[in-house]
């Protein structure tokens, strides 16, 4: 059985909002590239949304419905960004404890 740290958390959810994982030794597989591209798109959209949020919040008067929509969009972007960060963090090489003991 594949251990959880060998699975890649994908940037989309499955049925009922459950996380999707990829088990592959090929970082260049179709699904890996699709996940990489999806992450890049999601992060780019989050940057654009932050710029829009700054503009909206700089306005003197903002309608409550516009603020609710902004909050919902920011929450979605944050959720995608956290998922991407988690996925990438899980794929970082693990430090060997003996390296720290030797001062490497």
Protein backbone atom coordinates (compact mmCIF):
# COMPACT_ATOMS: atom_id res chain seq x y z
CA UNK A 1 0.00 0.00 0.00
CA UNK A 2 1.21 3.52 -0.81
CA UNK A 3 1.91 5.69 2.22
CA UNK A 4 0.17 9.08 2.47
CA UNK A 5 3.43 11.01 2.05
CA UNK A 6 3.91 9.37 -1.37
CA UNK A 7 0.58 10.71 -2.61
CA UNK A 8 0.21 14.12 -4.24
CA UNK A 9 -2.68 16.24 -3.04
CA UNK A 10 -4.36 17.49 -6.20
CA UNK A 11 -5.65 21.07 -6.58
CA UNK A 12 -9.27 19.99 -6.93
CA UNK A 13 -11.77 18.18 -4.78
CA UNK A 14 -13.65 15.00 -5.46
CA UNK A 15 -17.27 14.19 -4.78
CA UNK A 16 -18.62 15.72 -1.60
CA UNK A 17 -15.58 18.02 -1.37
CA UNK A 18 -13.21 15.23 -0.39
CA UNK A 19 -9.51 15.65 -1.31
CA UNK A 20 -8.14 13.93 -4.40
CA UNK A 21 -4.70 12.35 -4.45
CA UNK A 22 -2.39 11.14 -7.21
CA UNK A 23 -0.07 8.18 -6.84
CA UNK A 24 2.60 8.42 -9.53
CA UNK A 25 6.36 8.12 -9.81
CA UNK A 26 6.29 10.32 -12.93
CA UNK A 27 6.28 14.05 -12.13
CA UNK A 28 5.81 14.63 -15.86
CA UNK A 29 2.70 12.46 -16.25
CA UNK A 30 -0.44 13.94 -17.79
CA UNK A 31 -2.20 14.28 -14.41
CA UNK A 32 0.90 15.76 -12.75
CA UNK A 33 1.21 18.39 -15.50
CA UNK A 34 -2.54 19.08 -15.31
CA UNK A 35 -2.24 19.57 -11.54
CA UNK A 36 0.79 21.87 -11.98
CA UNK A 37 -1.08 23.97 -14.55
CA UNK A 38 -4.21 24.11 -12.40
CA UNK A 39 -2.17 25.25 -9.39
CA UNK A 40 -0.53 27.98 -11.49
CA UNK A 41 -3.91 29.20 -12.75
CA UNK A 42 -5.40 29.19 -9.25
CA UNK A 43 -2.45 31.14 -7.82
CA UNK A 44 -2.63 33.65 -10.68
CA UNK A 45 -6.34 34.13 -10.09
CA UNK A 46 -5.67 34.68 -6.37
CA UNK A 47 -3.17 37.45 -7.19
CA UNK A 48 -5.71 39.15 -9.47
CA UNK A 49 -8.40 38.83 -6.80
CA UNK A 50 -6.12 40.46 -4.20
CA UNK A 51 -5.63 43.41 -6.55
CA UNK A 52 -9.40 43.70 -7.05
CA UNK A 53 -9.95 43.47 -3.29
CA UNK A 54 -7.48 46.29 -2.64
CA UNK A 55 -9.27 48.48 -5.18
CA UNK A 56 -12.70 47.72 -3.76
CA UNK A 57 -11.59 48.28 -0.17
CA UNK A 58 -10.00 51.61 -1.12
CA UNK A 59 -13.41 52.93 -2.16
CA UNK A 60 -15.15 55.17 0.34
CA UNK A 61 -18.51 53.40 0.12
CA UNK A 62 -18.94 49.74 -0.73
CA UNK A 63 -22.25 47.91 -0.89
CA UNK A 64 -22.62 45.08 1.66
CA UNK A 65 -23.39 42.59 -1.13
CA UNK A 66 -20.12 43.52 -2.87
CA UNK A 67 -18.23 42.89 0.37
CA UNK A 68 -19.95 39.52 0.85
CA UNK A 69 -19.06 38.50 -2.71
CA UNK A 70 -15.47 39.65 -2.17
CA UNK A 71 -15.24 37.70 1.08
CA UNK A 72 -16.59 34.54 -0.58
CA UNK A 73 -14.17 34.89 -3.51
CA UNK A 74 -11.22 35.53 -1.16
CA UNK A 75 -12.16 32.48 0.94
CA UNK A 76 -12.19 30.31 -2.20
CA UNK A 77 -8.84 31.69 -3.35
CA UNK A 78 -7.35 31.15 0.09
CA UNK A 79 -8.65 27.57 0.17
CA UNK A 80 -7.00 26.85 -3.20
CA UNK A 81 -3.76 28.52 -2.13
CA UNK A 82 -3.58 26.55 1.12
CA UNK A 83 -4.22 23.32 -0.80
CA UNK A 84 -1.39 24.19 -3.21
CA UNK A 85 0.98 25.06 -0.37
CA UNK A 86 0.10 21.85 1.45
CA UNK A 87 0.62 19.77 -1.68
CA UNK A 88 3.95 21.38 -2.46
CA UNK A 89 5.10 21.14 1.14
CA UNK A 90 4.37 17.43 1.21
CA UNK A 91 6.54 16.96 -1.88
CA UNK A 92 9.60 18.73 -0.47
CA UNK A 93 12.54 16.45 0.22
CA UNK A 94 12.65 15.36 3.84
CA UNK A 95 15.70 16.41 5.80
CA UNK A 96 17.83 13.56 7.07
CA UNK A 97 18.13 13.96 10.88
CA UNK A 98 21.76 12.83 10.72
CA UNK A 99 22.54 15.83 8.44
CA UNK A 100 21.61 18.19 11.27
CA UNK A 101 23.75 16.30 13.76
CA UNK A 102 26.81 16.61 11.48
CA UNK A 103 26.06 20.28 10.76
CA UNK A 104 25.40 19.69 7.02
